[in-house]
Amino acid sequence: MSYQERRSIVNLISTVLITTLYSAYMIQRFPEASAYSAEVFHFWGAFFLILIPVTIVAKVLIYIVFSIINTIATREEEPPITDERDKLIEMKSTTISLYVFTAGFLLAMGSLVVELPPSAMFIILICSGVVSEMVSDISQFYFYRRGV
């Protein structure tokens, strides 16, 4: 298995793990108020604004640990050069990921049209962001495995 394939798997697992742990922690703080109250909107705003730096910091730490463990285990370092194939795979996986997120965004807006509570829209947005990131990692793994 190549370095890029291992990196994709680590990114996939870390995405699921970080989001699950963060959501489990934050759901305990969900306010017991009306679905349209300011407290609920404040909760979802804080949820998103805190999720972003938490994810960034956790991914950087996980990536550093992965790089160290990978170097120790395989005696090979991260490839310093990315070639056209790597860039093409990244572009294809990013395109697929953006399509998935756009579909999720439209679904989230559609939930407001059919008069679901605003919490449904926020949950769909979070899920579409996580699923789009997972799709990006899976497609990168697939393209490295299959070839472009």
N, C-alpha and C. Protein backbone atom coordinates (compact mmCIF):
# COMPACT_ATOMS: atom_id res chain seq x y z
N MET A 1 0.85 -1.16 0.00
CA MET A 1 0.00 0.00 0.00
C MET A 1 0.90 1.24 0.00
N SER A 2 0.56 2.19 -0.84
CA SER A 2 1.40 3.38 -0.96
C SER A 2 1.15 4.34 0.19
N TYR A 3 2.02 5.32 0.30
CA TYR A 3 1.90 6.34 1.34
C TYR A 3 0.58 7.10 1.20
N GLN A 4 0.22 7.45 -0.03
CA GLN A 4 -1.01 8.21 -0.26
C GLN A 4 -2.25 7.41 0.13
N GLU A 5 -2.23 6.10 -0.12
CA GLU A 5 -3.36 5.26 0.26
C GLU A 5 -3.49 5.20 1.79
N ARG A 6 -2.37 5.02 2.47
CA ARG A 6 -2.41 5.00 3.94
C ARG A 6 -2.88 6.35 4.49
N ARG A 7 -2.42 7.43 3.89
CA ARG A 7 -2.84 8.76 4.33
C ARG A 7 -4.35 8.94 4.15
N SER A 8 -4.90 8.46 3.05
CA SER A 8 -6.34 8.57 2.81
C SER A 8 -7.13 7.80 3.86
N ILE A 9 -6.65 6.63 4.21
CA ILE A 9 -7.34 5.83 5.23
C ILE A 9 -7.28 6.52 6.59
N VAL A 10 -6.13 7.06 6.94
CA VAL A 10 -5.99 7.77 8.21
C VAL A 10 -6.90 9.00 8.23
N ASN A 11 -6.96 9.74 7.13
CA ASN A 11 -7.85 10.90 7.05
C ASN A 11 -9.31 10.50 7.21
N LEU A 12 -9.70 9.40 6.58
CA LEU A 12 -11.07 8.92 6.67
C LEU A 12 -11.43 8.56 8.11
N ILE A 13 -10.57 7.79 8.74
CA ILE A 13 -10.83 7.38 10.12
C ILE A 13 -10.84 8.58 11.06
N SER A 14 -9.92 9.50 10.86
CA SER A 14 -9.86 10.67 11.75
C SER A 14 -11.08 11.57 11.56
N THR A 15 -11.57 11.70 10.35
CA THR A 15 -12.76 12.50 10.10
C THR A 15 -13.96 11.95 10.86
N VAL A 16 -14.15 10.65 10.74
CA VAL A 16 -15.28 10.01 11.42
C VAL A 16 -15.11 10.12 12.94
N LEU A 17 -13.92 9.85 13.42
CA LEU A 17 -13.66 9.86 14.86
C LEU A 17 -13.82 11.26 15.46
N ILE A 18 -13.23 12.25 14.84
CA ILE A 18 -13.30 13.62 15.36
C ILE A 18 -14.74 14.11 15.38
N THR A 19 -15.46 13.92 14.29
CA THR A 19 -16.84 14.40 14.21
C THR A 19 -17.74 13.68 15.20
N THR A 20 -17.55 12.37 15.33
CA THR A 20 -18.38 11.60 16.26
C THR A 20 -18.13 12.03 17.70
N LEU A 21 -16.87 12.13 18.09
CA LEU A 21 -16.55 12.51 19.47
C LEU A 21 -17.01 13.94 19.77
N TYR A 22 -16.78 14.85 18.84
CA TYR A 22 -17.19 16.24 19.05
C TYR A 22 -18.71 16.35 19.14
N SER A 23 -19.41 15.66 18.25
CA SER A 23 -20.87 15.71 18.25
C SER A 23 -21.44 15.10 19.54
N ALA A 24 -20.85 13.99 19.98
CA ALA A 24 -21.31 13.36 21.22
C ALA A 24 -21.11 14.29 22.42
N TYR A 25 -20.01 15.03 22.40
CA TYR A 25 -19.75 15.98 23.48
C TYR A 25 -20.72 17.16 23.42
N MET A 26 -20.94 17.69 22.24
CA MET A 26 -21.77 18.90 22.10
C MET A 26 -23.27 18.62 22.22
N ILE A 27 -23.71 17.44 21.85
CA ILE A 27 -25.15 17.17 21.88
C ILE A 27 -25.69 17.21 23.30
N GLN A 28 -24.81 16.99 24.27
CA GLN A 28 -25.23 17.08 25.67
C GLN A 28 -25.56 18.51 26.07
N ARG A 29 -25.07 19.46 25.32
CA ARG A 29 -25.28 20.88 25.62
C ARG A 29 -26.45 21.47 24.82
N PHE A 30 -27.17 20.63 24.07
CA PHE A 30 -28.29 21.13 23.27
C PHE A 30 -29.34 21.75 24.19
N PRO A 31 -29.78 22.97 23.89
CA PRO A 31 -30.73 23.66 24.79
C PRO A 31 -32.12 23.04 24.73
N GLU A 32 -32.77 23.04 25.86
CA GLU A 32 -34.15 22.54 25.98
C GLU A 32 -35.10 23.71 25.73
N ALA A 33 -35.11 24.22 24.54
CA ALA A 33 -35.93 25.38 24.22
C ALA A 33 -36.71 25.11 22.94
N SER A 34 -37.51 26.05 22.56
CA SER A 34 -38.27 25.96 21.32
C SER A 34 -37.32 25.84 20.13
N ALA A 35 -37.77 25.13 19.10
CA ALA A 35 -36.92 24.91 17.92
C ALA A 35 -36.54 26.21 17.23
N TYR A 36 -37.30 27.27 17.45
CA TYR A 36 -37.04 28.54 16.78
C TYR A 36 -36.49 29.60 17.73
N SER A 37 -36.03 29.20 18.90
CA SER A 37 -35.52 30.17 19.87
C SER A 37 -34.09 30.59 19.51
N ALA A 38 -33.71 31.72 20.06
CA ALA A 38 -32.36 32.23 19.81
C ALA A 38 -31.30 31.31 20.41
N GLU A 39 -31.63 30.61 21.48
CA GLU A 39 -30.67 29.70 22.12
C GLU A 39 -30.28 28.56 21.19
N VAL A 40 -31.25 28.05 20.45
CA VAL A 40 -30.97 26.95 19.52
C VAL A 40 -30.07 27.43 18.39
N PHE A 41 -30.33 28.61 17.86
CA PHE A 41 -29.48 29.15 16.81
C PHE A 41 -28.07 29.46 17.34
N HIS A 42 -28.00 29.93 18.57
CA HIS A 42 -26.70 30.18 19.21
C HIS A 42 -25.93 28.87 19.35
N PHE A 43 -26.63 27.81 19.75
CA PHE A 43 -25.99 26.50 19.89
C PHE A 43 -25.39 26.04 18.56
N TRP A 44 -26.17 26.12 17.48
CA TRP A 44 -25.68 25.64 16.19
C TRP A 44 -24.57 26.51 15.64
N GLY A 45 -24.64 27.82 15.88
CA GLY A 45 -23.55 28.70 15.46
C GLY A 45 -22.26 28.36 16.19
N ALA A 46 -22.37 28.16 17.50
CA ALA A 46 -21.18 27.78 18.29
C ALA A 46 -20.68 26.40 17.87
N PHE A 47 -21.61 25.50 17.56
CA PHE A 47 -21.24 24.14 17.14
C PHE A 47 -20.32 24.21 15.92
N PHE A 48 -20.74 24.97 14.92
CA PHE A 48 -19.95 25.08 13.69
C PHE A 48 -18.63 25.82 13.92
N LEU A 49 -18.69 26.94 14.63
CA LEU A 49 -17.49 27.74 14.82
C LEU A 49 -16.43 27.04 15.67
N ILE A 50 -16.84 26.20 16.57
CA ILE A 50 -15.88 25.45 17.38
C ILE A 50 -15.41 24.20 16.65
N LEU A 51 -16.30 23.58 15.86
CA LEU A 51 -15.94 22.37 15.12
C LEU A 51 -14.78 22.61 14.16
N ILE A 52 -14.75 23.74 13.51
CA ILE A 52 -13.70 24.03 12.52
C ILE A 52 -12.30 24.02 13.14
N PRO A 53 -12.02 24.83 14.18
CA PRO A 53 -10.66 24.77 14.74
C PRO A 53 -10.34 23.45 15.43
N VAL A 54 -11.33 22.83 16.05
CA VAL A 54 -11.10 21.52 16.67
C VAL A 54 -10.65 20.51 15.62
N THR A 55 -11.33 20.51 14.49
CA THR A 55 -10.98 19.59 13.41
C THR A 55 -9.59 19.89 12.86
N ILE A 56 -9.28 21.15 12.67
CA ILE A 56 -7.97 21.52 12.12
C ILE A 56 -6.85 21.08 13.06
N VAL A 57 -6.98 21.41 14.34
CA VAL A 57 -5.94 21.06 15.31
C VAL A 57 -5.80 19.54 15.43
N ALA A 58 -6.93 18.84 15.51
CA ALA A 58 -6.88 17.39 15.65
C ALA A 58 -6.26 16.74 14.41
N LYS A 59 -6.61 17.22 13.23
CA LYS A 59 -6.05 16.64 12.00
C LYS A 59 -4.55 16.89 11.89
N VAL A 60 -4.10 18.07 12.30
CA VAL A 60 -2.67 18.36 12.26
C VAL A 60 -1.93 17.41 13.20
N LEU A 61 -2.46 17.25 14.42
CA LEU A 61 -1.82 16.33 15.37
C LEU A 61 -1.83 14.89 14.87
N ILE A 62 -2.97 14.46 14.32
CA ILE A 62 -3.07 13.10 13.79
C ILE A 62 -2.11 12.91 12.61
N TYR A 63 -2.01 13.92 11.77
CA TYR A 63 -1.11 13.82 10.62
C TYR A 63 0.35 13.72 11.07
N ILE A 64 0.73 14.48 12.09
CA ILE A 64 2.10 14.41 12.62
C ILE A 64 2.38 13.03 13.19
N VAL A 65 1.44 12.52 13.99
CA VAL A 65 1.61 11.19 14.57
C VAL A 65 1.66 10.13 13.48
N PHE A 66 0.79 10.25 12.47
CA PHE A 66 0.80 9.30 11.36
C PHE A 66 2.14 9.33 10.63
N SER A 67 2.64 10.52 10.39
CA SER A 67 3.91 10.65 9.68
C SER A 67 5.05 10.01 10.47
N ILE A 68 5.07 10.21 11.77
CA ILE A 68 6.12 9.62 12.61
C ILE A 68 6.00 8.10 12.63
N ILE A 69 4.79 7.60 12.86
CA ILE A 69 4.59 6.15 12.91
C ILE A 69 4.88 5.51 11.56
N ASN A 70 4.45 6.14 10.49
CA ASN A 70 4.70 5.61 9.15
C ASN A 70 6.19 5.54 8.85
N THR A 71 6.92 6.58 9.23
CA THR A 71 8.37 6.60 8.99
C THR A 71 9.07 5.51 9.80
N ILE A 72 8.65 5.31 11.04
CA ILE A 72 9.25 4.27 11.87
C ILE A 72 8.91 2.88 11.33
N ALA A 73 7.66 2.67 10.97
CA ALA A 73 7.21 1.34 10.55
C ALA A 73 7.73 0.93 9.18
N THR A 74 7.75 1.86 8.23
CA THR A 74 8.09 1.50 6.85
C THR A 74 9.48 1.95 6.42
N ARG A 75 10.12 2.75 7.24
CA ARG A 75 11.44 3.29 6.91
C ARG A 75 11.43 4.15 5.64
N GLU A 76 10.27 4.68 5.30
CA GLU A 76 10.18 5.60 4.16
C GLU A 76 9.51 6.88 4.62
N GLU A 77 9.98 7.99 4.10
CA GLU A 77 9.41 9.28 4.47
C GLU A 77 8.34 9.67 3.46
N GLU A 78 7.64 10.75 3.81
CA GLU A 78 6.62 11.27 2.90
C GLU A 78 7.29 11.68 1.60
N PRO A 79 6.69 11.30 0.46
CA PRO A 79 7.26 11.73 -0.82
C PRO A 79 7.28 13.26 -0.90
N PRO A 80 8.47 13.84 -1.14
CA PRO A 80 8.56 15.30 -1.12
C PRO A 80 7.95 15.97 -2.35
N ILE A 81 7.77 15.21 -3.40
CA ILE A 81 7.30 15.79 -4.66
C ILE A 81 5.95 15.19 -5.02
N THR A 82 5.04 16.05 -5.42
CA THR A 82 3.78 15.56 -5.97
C THR A 82 3.84 15.76 -7.48
N ASP A 83 3.48 14.73 -8.19
CA ASP A 83 3.53 14.82 -9.65
C ASP A 83 2.15 15.11 -10.20
N GLU A 84 2.03 15.06 -11.52
CA GLU A 84 0.77 15.36 -12.18
C GLU A 84 -0.32 14.37 -11.79
N ARG A 85 0.05 13.13 -11.59
CA ARG A 85 -0.92 12.10 -11.20
C ARG A 85 -1.53 12.44 -9.84
N ASP A 86 -0.68 12.84 -8.89
CA ASP A 86 -1.19 13.22 -7.57
C ASP A 86 -2.13 14.41 -7.68
N LYS A 87 -1.77 15.40 -8.48
CA LYS A 87 -2.61 16.58 -8.64
C LYS A 87 -3.93 16.24 -9.33
N LEU A 88 -3.88 15.34 -10.31
CA LEU A 88 -5.09 14.92 -11.01
C LEU A 88 -6.03 14.17 -10.06
N ILE A 89 -5.47 13.29 -9.25
CA ILE A 89 -6.28 12.54 -8.29
C ILE A 89 -6.90 13.51 -7.27
N GLU A 90 -6.13 14.46 -6.81
CA GLU A 90 -6.66 15.44 -5.86
C GLU A 90 -7.78 16.28 -6.48
N MET A 91 -7.59 16.69 -7.74
CA MET A 91 -8.64 17.47 -8.42
C MET A 91 -9.91 16.66 -8.60
N LYS A 92 -9.78 15.40 -9.02
CA LYS A 92 -10.97 14.56 -9.22
C LYS A 92 -11.71 14.32 -7.90
N SER A 93 -10.97 14.02 -6.85
CA SER A 93 -11.61 13.75 -5.57
C SER A 93 -12.25 15.01 -5.00
N THR A 94 -11.62 16.16 -5.21
CA THR A 94 -12.20 17.43 -4.75
C THR A 94 -13.47 17.75 -5.51
N THR A 95 -13.48 17.48 -6.81
CA THR A 95 -14.68 17.73 -7.62
C THR A 95 -15.85 16.87 -7.14
N ILE A 96 -15.58 15.59 -6.92
CA ILE A 96 -16.62 14.69 -6.44
C ILE A 96 -17.12 15.15 -5.07
N SER A 97 -16.20 15.54 -4.21
CA SER A 97 -16.54 16.00 -2.88
C SER A 97 -17.42 17.26 -2.94
N LEU A 98 -17.10 18.17 -3.84
CA LEU A 98 -17.91 19.39 -3.97
C LEU A 98 -19.32 19.08 -4.47
N TYR A 99 -19.45 18.12 -5.36
CA TYR A 99 -20.78 17.71 -5.81
C TYR A 99 -21.60 17.14 -4.65
N VAL A 100 -20.97 16.34 -3.82
CA VAL A 100 -21.67 15.75 -2.67
C VAL A 100 -22.08 16.85 -1.70
N PHE A 101 -21.18 17.79 -1.42
CA PHE A 101 -21.53 18.87 -0.50
C PHE A 101 -22.63 19.75 -1.06
N THR A 102 -22.58 20.03 -2.36
CA THR A 102 -23.63 20.84 -2.98
C THR A 102 -24.98 20.16 -2.88
N ALA A 103 -25.01 18.85 -3.11
CA ALA A 103 -26.27 18.11 -2.96
C ALA A 103 -26.77 18.18 -1.52
N GLY A 104 -25.86 18.07 -0.56
CA GLY A 104 -26.24 18.18 0.84
C GLY A 104 -26.74 19.57 1.19
N PHE A 105 -26.10 20.59 0.63
CA PHE A 105 -26.52 21.97 0.87
C PHE A 105 -27.93 22.19 0.32
N LEU A 106 -28.18 21.70 -0.89
CA LEU A 106 -29.51 21.84 -1.47
C LEU A 106 -30.55 21.08 -0.65
N LEU A 107 -30.18 19.92 -0.16
CA LEU A 107 -31.08 19.13 0.70
C LEU A 107 -31.37 19.89 2.00
N ALA A 108 -30.34 20.53 2.56
CA ALA A 108 -30.53 21.32 3.78
C ALA A 108 -31.48 22.49 3.54
N MET A 109 -31.32 23.17 2.42
CA MET A 109 -32.22 24.28 2.10
C MET A 109 -33.63 23.76 1.82
N GLY A 110 -33.70 22.59 1.20
CA GLY A 110 -35.00 21.97 0.94
C GLY A 110 -35.72 21.61 2.23
N SER A 111 -34.96 21.29 3.27
CA SER A 111 -35.60 20.96 4.55
C SER A 111 -36.32 22.18 5.13
N LEU A 112 -35.82 23.36 4.83
CA LEU A 112 -36.52 24.57 5.28
C LEU A 112 -37.77 24.82 4.46
N VAL A 113 -37.71 24.47 3.18
CA VAL A 113 -38.87 24.67 2.30
C VAL A 113 -40.04 23.79 2.74
N VAL A 114 -39.75 22.57 3.17
CA VAL A 114 -40.81 21.67 3.62
C VAL A 114 -41.12 21.86 5.10
N GLU A 115 -40.63 22.97 5.65
CA GLU A 115 -40.95 23.43 7.00
C GLU A 115 -40.50 22.50 8.12
N LEU A 116 -39.33 21.89 7.94
CA LEU A 116 -38.71 21.17 9.05
C LEU A 116 -38.07 22.19 9.98
N PRO A 117 -37.83 21.84 11.22
CA PRO A 117 -37.20 22.81 12.12
C PRO A 117 -35.78 23.16 11.66
N PRO A 118 -35.30 24.32 12.03
CA PRO A 118 -33.96 24.74 11.60
C PRO A 118 -32.85 23.77 12.04
N SER A 119 -33.07 23.06 13.13
CA SER A 119 -32.07 22.08 13.58
C SER A 119 -31.83 21.02 12.51
N ALA A 120 -32.87 20.66 11.78
CA ALA A 120 -32.72 19.66 10.71
C ALA A 120 -31.77 20.19 9.63
N MET A 121 -31.91 21.48 9.31
CA MET A 121 -31.02 22.07 8.31
C MET A 121 -29.57 22.02 8.78
N PHE A 122 -29.32 22.35 10.03
CA PHE A 122 -27.95 22.34 10.55
C PHE A 122 -27.38 20.93 10.60
N ILE A 123 -28.20 19.97 10.99
CA ILE A 123 -27.74 18.58 11.04
C ILE A 123 -27.41 18.09 9.63
N ILE A 124 -28.24 18.42 8.65
CA ILE A 124 -27.98 18.02 7.27
C ILE A 124 -26.70 18.68 6.76
N LEU A 125 -26.48 19.96 7.10
CA LEU A 125 -25.24 20.64 6.68
C LEU A 125 -24.01 19.97 7.28
N ILE A 126 -24.07 19.63 8.56
CA ILE A 126 -22.94 18.96 9.20
C ILE A 126 -22.69 17.61 8.55
N CYS A 127 -23.75 16.86 8.37
CA CYS A 127 -23.62 15.53 7.76
C CYS A 127 -23.09 15.62 6.33
N SER A 128 -23.56 16.59 5.57
CA SER A 128 -23.08 16.71 4.19
C SER A 128 -21.62 17.11 4.15
N GLY A 129 -21.18 17.94 5.08
CA GLY A 129 -19.76 18.29 5.15
C GLY A 129 -18.90 17.08 5.49
N VAL A 130 -19.34 16.30 6.46
CA VAL A 130 -18.58 15.11 6.86
C VAL A 130 -18.59 14.08 5.74
N VAL A 131 -19.75 13.85 5.15
CA VAL A 131 -19.85 12.86 4.07
C VAL A 131 -19.02 13.30 2.87
N SER A 132 -19.01 14.59 2.56
CA SER A 132 -18.21 15.04 1.41
C SER A 132 -16.72 14.86 1.67
N GLU A 133 -16.29 15.06 2.90
CA GLU A 133 -14.88 14.84 3.23
C GLU A 133 -14.54 13.34 3.16
N MET A 134 -15.47 12.52 3.62
CA MET A 134 -15.26 11.07 3.55
C MET A 134 -15.22 10.60 2.10
N VAL A 135 -16.10 11.15 1.27
CA VAL A 135 -16.11 10.79 -0.15
C VAL A 135 -14.80 11.20 -0.81
N SER A 136 -14.27 12.35 -0.42
CA SER A 136 -12.99 12.79 -0.97
C SER A 136 -11.88 11.79 -0.62
N ASP A 137 -11.83 11.37 0.65
CA ASP A 137 -10.80 10.41 1.07
C ASP A 137 -10.98 9.06 0.39
N ILE A 138 -12.22 8.61 0.30
CA ILE A 138 -12.48 7.31 -0.34
C ILE A 138 -12.13 7.37 -1.82
N SER A 139 -12.48 8.47 -2.48
CA SER A 139 -12.17 8.57 -3.91
C SER A 139 -10.67 8.69 -4.15
N GLN A 140 -9.95 9.37 -3.26
CA GLN A 140 -8.50 9.41 -3.39
C GLN A 140 -7.91 8.01 -3.25
N PHE A 141 -8.37 7.28 -2.26
CA PHE A 141 -7.90 5.91 -2.07
C PHE A 141 -8.21 5.08 -3.31
N TYR A 142 -9.42 5.23 -3.82
CA TYR A 142 -9.84 4.46 -5.00
C TYR A 142 -8.98 4.81 -6.21
N PHE A 143 -8.76 6.11 -6.46
CA PHE A 143 -7.97 6.52 -7.62
C PHE A 143 -6.50 6.10 -7.50
N TYR A 144 -5.96 6.14 -6.29
CA TYR A 144 -4.57 5.67 -6.13
C TYR A 144 -4.50 4.15 -6.32
N ARG A 145 -5.53 3.45 -5.87
CA ARG A 145 -5.53 2.00 -6.00
C ARG A 145 -5.77 1.57 -7.45
N ARG A 146 -6.75 2.18 -8.09
CA ARG A 146 -7.13 1.80 -9.45
C ARG A 146 -6.25 2.45 -10.49
N GLY A 147 -5.83 3.67 -10.21
CA GLY A 147 -5.10 4.43 -11.21
C GLY A 147 -6.04 5.38 -11.92
N VAL A 148 -5.46 6.41 -12.49
CA VAL A 148 -6.29 7.41 -13.18
C VAL A 148 -6.13 7.27 -14.66
